[in-house]
N, C-alpha and C. Protein backbone atom coordinates (compact mmCIF):
# COMPACT_ATOMS: atom_id res chain seq x y z
N MET A 1 41.63 -5.84 31.50
CA MET A 1 42.54 -5.32 30.47
C MET A 1 43.74 -5.97 30.90
N ASN A 2 44.80 -6.43 29.75
CA ASN A 2 46.23 -6.89 30.30
C ASN A 2 46.92 -5.52 30.60
N LYS A 3 47.75 -5.86 31.66
CA LYS A 3 48.52 -4.89 32.46
C LYS A 3 49.26 -3.92 31.32
N ILE A 4 50.22 -4.49 30.29
CA ILE A 4 50.92 -3.95 29.39
C ILE A 4 49.95 -2.88 28.45
N LEU A 5 48.74 -3.43 28.04
CA LEU A 5 48.03 -2.89 27.38
C LEU A 5 47.44 -1.74 28.01
N LYS A 6 47.01 -1.94 29.29
CA LYS A 6 46.43 -0.69 29.96
C LYS A 6 47.23 0.46 30.24
N SER A 7 48.40 0.10 30.60
CA SER A 7 49.60 1.17 30.68
C SER A 7 50.01 1.87 29.52
N ALA A 8 49.83 1.03 28.16
CA ALA A 8 49.83 1.83 26.94
C ALA A 8 48.83 2.77 26.66
N PHE A 9 47.40 2.48 27.08
CA PHE A 9 46.31 2.94 26.88
C PHE A 9 46.21 4.43 27.80
N ASP A 10 46.66 4.16 28.93
CA ASP A 10 46.49 5.12 29.97
C ASP A 10 47.84 6.25 29.59
N ASP A 11 48.74 5.88 29.14
CA ASP A 11 49.92 6.94 28.66
C ASP A 11 49.28 7.80 27.42
N GLU A 12 48.50 7.13 26.46
CA GLU A 12 48.02 7.93 25.38
C GLU A 12 46.93 8.71 25.93
N MET A 13 46.09 8.02 26.59
CA MET A 13 45.04 9.23 27.07
C MET A 13 45.38 10.37 27.94
N GLN A 14 46.76 10.11 28.85
CA GLN A 14 47.01 11.10 29.73
C GLN A 14 47.63 12.05 28.63
N GLN A 15 48.36 11.80 27.66
CA GLN A 15 48.92 12.79 26.57
C GLN A 15 47.90 13.38 26.06
N ALA A 16 46.75 12.73 25.67
CA ALA A 16 45.48 13.19 25.05
C ALA A 16 44.95 14.22 25.83
N LYS A 17 44.85 14.00 27.32
CA LYS A 17 44.31 14.92 28.33
C LYS A 17 45.16 16.35 28.36
N SER A 18 46.51 16.20 28.42
CA SER A 18 47.48 17.11 28.28
C SER A 18 47.27 18.15 27.11
N TYR A 19 47.47 17.56 26.07
CA TYR A 19 46.91 18.36 24.92
C TYR A 19 45.50 19.17 25.06
N TYR A 20 44.47 18.34 25.50
CA TYR A 20 43.27 18.89 25.47
C TYR A 20 43.34 20.02 26.60
N ALA A 21 43.89 19.93 27.59
CA ALA A 21 44.01 21.08 28.45
C ALA A 21 44.78 22.40 27.88
N SER A 22 45.75 22.08 26.92
CA SER A 22 46.41 23.08 26.53
C SER A 22 45.86 23.64 25.29
N THR A 23 44.68 23.02 24.77
CA THR A 23 43.80 23.47 23.65
C THR A 23 44.42 23.18 22.62
N ASP A 24 45.38 22.11 22.39
CA ASP A 24 46.03 21.71 20.96
C ASP A 24 45.22 20.62 20.82
N PHE A 25 43.88 20.58 20.20
CA PHE A 25 43.11 19.54 19.94
C PHE A 25 43.26 18.54 18.82
N LYS A 26 44.20 19.15 17.94
CA LYS A 26 44.65 18.27 16.93
C LYS A 26 45.60 17.29 17.52
N SER A 27 46.43 17.45 18.32
CA SER A 27 47.34 16.49 18.79
C SER A 27 46.70 15.84 19.90
N CYS A 28 45.69 16.39 20.55
CA CYS A 28 44.90 15.84 21.53
C CYS A 28 44.07 14.30 20.75
N PHE A 29 43.58 14.85 19.41
CA PHE A 29 42.61 13.69 18.91
C PHE A 29 43.55 12.67 18.53
N ARG A 30 44.89 13.02 17.96
CA ARG A 30 45.62 12.05 17.48
C ARG A 30 45.95 11.17 18.66
N HIS A 31 45.90 11.44 19.73
CA HIS A 31 46.63 10.49 20.94
C HIS A 31 45.25 9.76 21.19
N LEU A 32 44.09 10.35 21.29
CA LEU A 32 42.59 9.72 21.43
C LEU A 32 42.52 8.50 20.34
N GLU A 33 43.00 8.81 19.02
CA GLU A 33 42.75 7.58 18.12
C GLU A 33 43.45 6.72 18.48
N ARG A 34 45.13 6.87 18.80
CA ARG A 34 45.92 5.76 19.24
C ARG A 34 45.44 4.90 20.68
N ALA A 35 44.84 5.83 21.48
CA ALA A 35 44.35 5.20 22.51
C ALA A 35 43.23 4.48 22.11
N HIS A 36 42.44 4.78 21.31
CA HIS A 36 41.21 3.78 20.99
C HIS A 36 41.76 2.61 20.25
N VAL A 37 42.62 2.42 19.39
CA VAL A 37 43.33 1.20 18.79
C VAL A 37 43.61 0.32 19.90
N LEU A 38 44.15 0.83 21.11
CA LEU A 38 44.66 0.08 22.13
C LEU A 38 43.52 -0.40 23.13
N GLY A 39 42.38 0.53 23.12
CA GLY A 39 41.21 0.22 24.15
C GLY A 39 40.16 -0.38 23.74
N GLN A 40 39.86 -0.40 22.27
CA GLN A 40 38.63 -0.72 21.68
C GLN A 40 37.76 -2.00 22.10
N ARG A 41 38.92 -3.12 22.39
CA ARG A 41 38.56 -4.22 22.91
C ARG A 41 37.88 -4.51 24.25
N HIS A 42 37.82 -3.45 25.09
CA HIS A 42 37.51 -3.26 26.26
C HIS A 42 36.55 -2.04 26.46
N ALA A 43 35.34 -2.79 27.21
CA ALA A 43 34.29 -1.70 27.30
C ALA A 43 34.21 -0.34 27.69
N TRP A 44 34.79 -0.39 29.21
CA TRP A 44 34.87 0.76 29.74
C TRP A 44 36.07 1.80 29.09
N PRO A 45 36.98 1.26 28.93
CA PRO A 45 38.10 2.16 28.18
C PRO A 45 37.67 2.76 26.81
N HIS A 46 36.95 1.88 26.27
CA HIS A 46 36.45 2.20 24.64
C HIS A 46 35.59 3.08 25.03
N THR A 47 34.56 2.98 25.70
CA THR A 47 33.59 4.21 26.09
C THR A 47 34.15 5.54 26.44
N VAL A 48 35.09 5.34 27.53
CA VAL A 48 35.65 6.65 28.04
C VAL A 48 36.43 7.33 26.98
N ASN A 49 36.97 6.70 26.15
CA ASN A 49 37.90 7.27 24.94
C ASN A 49 37.13 8.09 24.02
N HIS A 50 35.72 7.31 23.59
CA HIS A 50 34.73 8.12 22.93
C HIS A 50 34.15 9.30 23.59
N TRP A 51 33.99 9.35 24.58
CA TRP A 51 33.77 10.57 25.56
C TRP A 51 34.68 11.55 25.33
N TRP A 52 35.93 11.35 25.31
CA TRP A 52 36.77 12.38 25.26
C TRP A 52 36.88 12.80 23.62
N MET A 53 36.66 11.83 22.90
CA MET A 53 36.75 12.26 21.44
C MET A 53 35.24 13.38 21.39
N LEU A 54 34.25 13.21 22.09
CA LEU A 54 33.09 14.10 22.07
C LEU A 54 33.27 15.23 22.51
N LYS A 55 34.02 15.27 23.57
CA LYS A 55 34.42 16.65 24.26
C LYS A 55 35.34 17.27 23.25
N VAL A 56 36.16 16.80 22.56
CA VAL A 56 36.95 17.45 21.59
C VAL A 56 36.24 18.04 20.44
N GLY A 57 35.17 17.22 19.98
CA GLY A 57 34.16 17.61 19.08
C GLY A 57 33.40 19.10 19.66
N PHE A 58 32.75 18.91 20.75
CA PHE A 58 32.33 20.01 21.26
C PHE A 58 33.27 21.27 21.12
N ARG A 59 34.64 21.07 21.56
CA ARG A 59 35.43 22.25 21.91
C ARG A 59 35.86 22.69 20.58
N THR A 60 35.63 21.96 19.69
CA THR A 60 36.24 22.33 18.07
C THR A 60 34.93 22.69 17.20
N ARG A 61 33.73 22.46 17.83
CA ARG A 61 32.55 22.82 17.16
C ARG A 61 32.42 21.96 15.92
N ASP A 62 32.73 20.88 15.96
CA ASP A 62 32.60 19.88 14.77
C ASP A 62 31.52 18.99 14.89
N THR A 63 30.41 19.50 14.04
CA THR A 63 29.19 18.66 14.33
C THR A 63 29.34 17.47 13.77
N GLN A 64 29.97 16.94 12.84
CA GLN A 64 30.17 15.56 12.14
C GLN A 64 30.81 14.75 13.39
N GLU A 65 31.68 15.50 14.14
CA GLU A 65 32.30 14.46 15.22
C GLU A 65 31.57 14.45 16.35
N ILE A 66 30.58 15.50 16.67
CA ILE A 66 29.72 15.32 17.85
C ILE A 66 28.91 14.23 17.37
N LEU A 67 27.94 14.25 16.32
CA LEU A 67 26.97 13.37 16.21
C LEU A 67 27.53 11.91 16.10
N GLY A 68 28.96 11.73 15.25
CA GLY A 68 29.64 10.38 15.17
C GLY A 68 29.77 10.03 16.59
N GLN A 69 30.22 10.79 17.66
CA GLN A 69 30.72 10.29 18.98
C GLN A 69 29.66 9.84 19.68
N ILE A 70 28.47 10.46 19.57
CA ILE A 70 27.16 10.28 20.24
C ILE A 70 26.75 8.86 19.70
N LEU A 71 26.89 8.72 18.51
CA LEU A 71 26.39 7.30 18.29
C LEU A 71 27.74 6.26 18.57
N ARG A 72 28.62 6.58 18.61
CA ARG A 72 29.51 5.97 18.98
C ARG A 72 29.63 5.24 20.48
N ILE A 73 29.42 6.15 21.30
CA ILE A 73 29.19 6.05 22.64
C ILE A 73 28.12 5.27 23.02
N ALA A 74 26.90 5.27 22.24
CA ALA A 74 25.67 4.41 22.20
C ALA A 74 26.17 2.84 22.09
N VAL A 75 27.20 2.80 21.48
CA VAL A 75 27.33 1.34 20.81
C VAL A 75 28.88 0.75 21.02
N ALA A 76 29.69 1.82 21.79
CA ALA A 76 31.05 1.44 21.94
C ALA A 76 31.30 0.07 22.92
N GLY A 77 30.55 0.20 24.13
CA GLY A 77 30.78 -0.93 24.97
C GLY A 77 30.18 -2.19 24.60
N ILE A 78 29.03 -2.00 23.95
CA ILE A 78 28.49 -3.10 23.50
C ILE A 78 29.11 -3.89 22.32
N GLY A 79 29.67 -3.33 21.54
CA GLY A 79 30.71 -3.70 20.43
C GLY A 79 31.89 -4.33 21.11
N SER A 80 32.48 -4.03 22.18
CA SER A 80 33.63 -4.31 23.01
C SER A 80 33.09 -5.64 23.49
N LEU A 81 31.95 -5.62 24.06
CA LEU A 81 31.55 -6.83 24.53
C LEU A 81 31.08 -8.12 23.85
N ILE A 82 30.73 -7.83 22.64
CA ILE A 82 30.49 -8.74 21.98
C ILE A 82 31.38 -9.02 21.02
N ASP A 83 32.60 -8.38 20.95
CA ASP A 83 33.83 -8.61 20.04
C ASP A 83 33.42 -8.38 18.77
N ARG A 84 33.10 -7.00 18.73
CA ARG A 84 32.68 -6.75 17.37
C ARG A 84 33.57 -5.27 17.13
N ALA A 85 34.54 -5.04 17.74
CA ALA A 85 35.32 -3.60 17.68
C ALA A 85 36.36 -4.12 16.33
N PRO A 86 36.18 -3.36 15.48
CA PRO A 86 37.12 -3.67 14.05
C PRO A 86 38.63 -3.41 14.49
N VAL A 87 39.44 -4.19 14.16
CA VAL A 87 40.77 -4.04 14.36
C VAL A 87 41.45 -2.98 13.78
N GLY A 88 41.93 -2.20 14.68
CA GLY A 88 42.92 -0.85 14.29
C GLY A 88 42.01 0.57 13.93
N ASN A 89 40.60 0.17 14.05
CA ASN A 89 39.85 1.46 13.82
C ASN A 89 40.21 2.44 14.78
N THR A 90 40.40 3.61 14.32
CA THR A 90 40.84 4.84 14.92
C THR A 90 39.63 5.43 15.84
N GLY A 91 38.51 5.30 15.67
CA GLY A 91 37.46 5.56 16.48
C GLY A 91 36.82 7.30 16.18
N GLY A 92 37.38 7.99 15.38
CA GLY A 92 36.82 9.19 14.73
C GLY A 92 35.82 9.11 13.90
N ALA A 93 34.68 10.28 13.78
CA ALA A 93 33.94 10.06 12.88
C ALA A 93 34.00 10.47 11.50
N ASN A 94 35.53 10.52 11.15
CA ASN A 94 35.91 10.49 9.71
C ASN A 94 36.13 9.16 9.22
N VAL A 95 35.76 8.08 10.03
CA VAL A 95 35.96 6.58 9.42
C VAL A 95 34.91 5.80 9.79
N GLY A 96 34.58 4.86 9.18
CA GLY A 96 33.52 3.98 9.29
C GLY A 96 33.38 3.17 10.75
N ILE A 97 32.26 3.11 11.29
CA ILE A 97 32.20 2.65 12.67
C ILE A 97 32.54 1.09 12.73
N LEU A 98 32.50 0.40 11.64
CA LEU A 98 33.02 -0.73 11.59
C LEU A 98 34.15 -1.20 10.80
N THR A 99 35.02 -0.30 10.32
CA THR A 99 35.92 -0.35 9.32
C THR A 99 37.23 -0.59 10.13
N PRO A 100 37.95 -1.94 9.73
CA PRO A 100 39.01 -2.18 10.01
C PRO A 100 40.05 -1.33 9.63
N MET A 101 41.27 -1.27 10.17
CA MET A 101 42.24 -0.16 9.72
C MET A 101 43.67 -0.98 10.09
N PRO A 102 44.58 -0.70 9.48
CA PRO A 102 46.09 -1.18 10.08
C PRO A 102 46.31 -0.60 11.16
N ILE A 103 46.99 -1.55 12.00
CA ILE A 103 47.46 -1.06 13.28
C ILE A 103 48.99 -0.37 13.02
N PRO A 104 49.09 0.65 13.59
CA PRO A 104 50.54 1.17 13.45
C PRO A 104 51.72 0.20 14.10
N ASP A 105 52.78 0.26 13.55
CA ASP A 105 53.93 -0.90 14.09
C ASP A 105 54.21 -0.77 15.49
N ASP A 106 54.13 0.70 16.03
CA ASP A 106 54.64 0.78 17.33
C ASP A 106 53.43 0.14 18.21
N LEU A 107 52.24 0.61 17.91
CA LEU A 107 51.08 -0.35 18.72
C LEU A 107 51.02 -1.66 18.49
N ALA A 108 51.36 -2.08 17.10
CA ALA A 108 51.29 -3.59 17.14
C ALA A 108 52.32 -4.27 17.98
N ALA A 109 53.55 -3.48 17.94
CA ALA A 109 54.44 -4.08 19.02
C ALA A 109 53.92 -4.35 20.26
N ILE A 110 53.23 -3.23 21.05
CA ILE A 110 52.61 -3.15 22.49
C ILE A 110 51.71 -4.43 22.48
N PHE A 111 50.74 -4.78 21.61
CA PHE A 111 49.71 -5.93 21.29
C PHE A 111 50.73 -7.23 21.51
N LYS A 112 51.78 -7.19 20.62
CA LYS A 112 52.45 -8.39 20.68
C LYS A 112 53.15 -8.65 21.89
N LYS A 113 53.84 -7.41 22.68
CA LYS A 113 54.33 -7.71 24.09
C LYS A 113 53.34 -8.25 25.01
N ALA A 114 52.05 -7.64 24.77
CA ALA A 114 51.01 -8.08 25.66
C ALA A 114 50.32 -9.54 25.15
N GLY A 115 51.26 -10.31 24.18
CA GLY A 115 50.54 -11.68 24.03
C GLY A 115 49.41 -11.67 23.29
N MET A 116 48.84 -10.57 22.56
CA MET A 116 47.47 -10.51 21.85
C MET A 116 47.79 -10.47 20.41
C-alpha cells in the first residue's frame, strides 16, 4: 500500500476506533466507510476494515450489517487481490457489494497525491 494512502487509511481507522471506544457508533461507522474507500484495493486493510464494520454491527445489534459484513469478510480480500473492488464503495451492508460510488473530493485528492 502506498505510504500516502496507508497514512490516510490509518488516520481514518484510528478515528473510527476512537469513536468505537466512546460508543459513538454512527461517527465510528462514517470513518470506517472513509477508510474502506481508501483501503479496498488492498487485501489486508480491506478485510480488517470489514472486521471493524462487523464489530459495529454487533454492538448496534444491526442484523443486516452483521450478515452483510460476514459476507464481505468472506470475499473482501479476494476482491482486492483480483482487482474487483468497486471504486468508491463505502463497504456497509446498506450498499451493493459491487456497486461503484463517487469518491468524496478530499479522498480523491489523497488518491491523486498518492499517484493513483
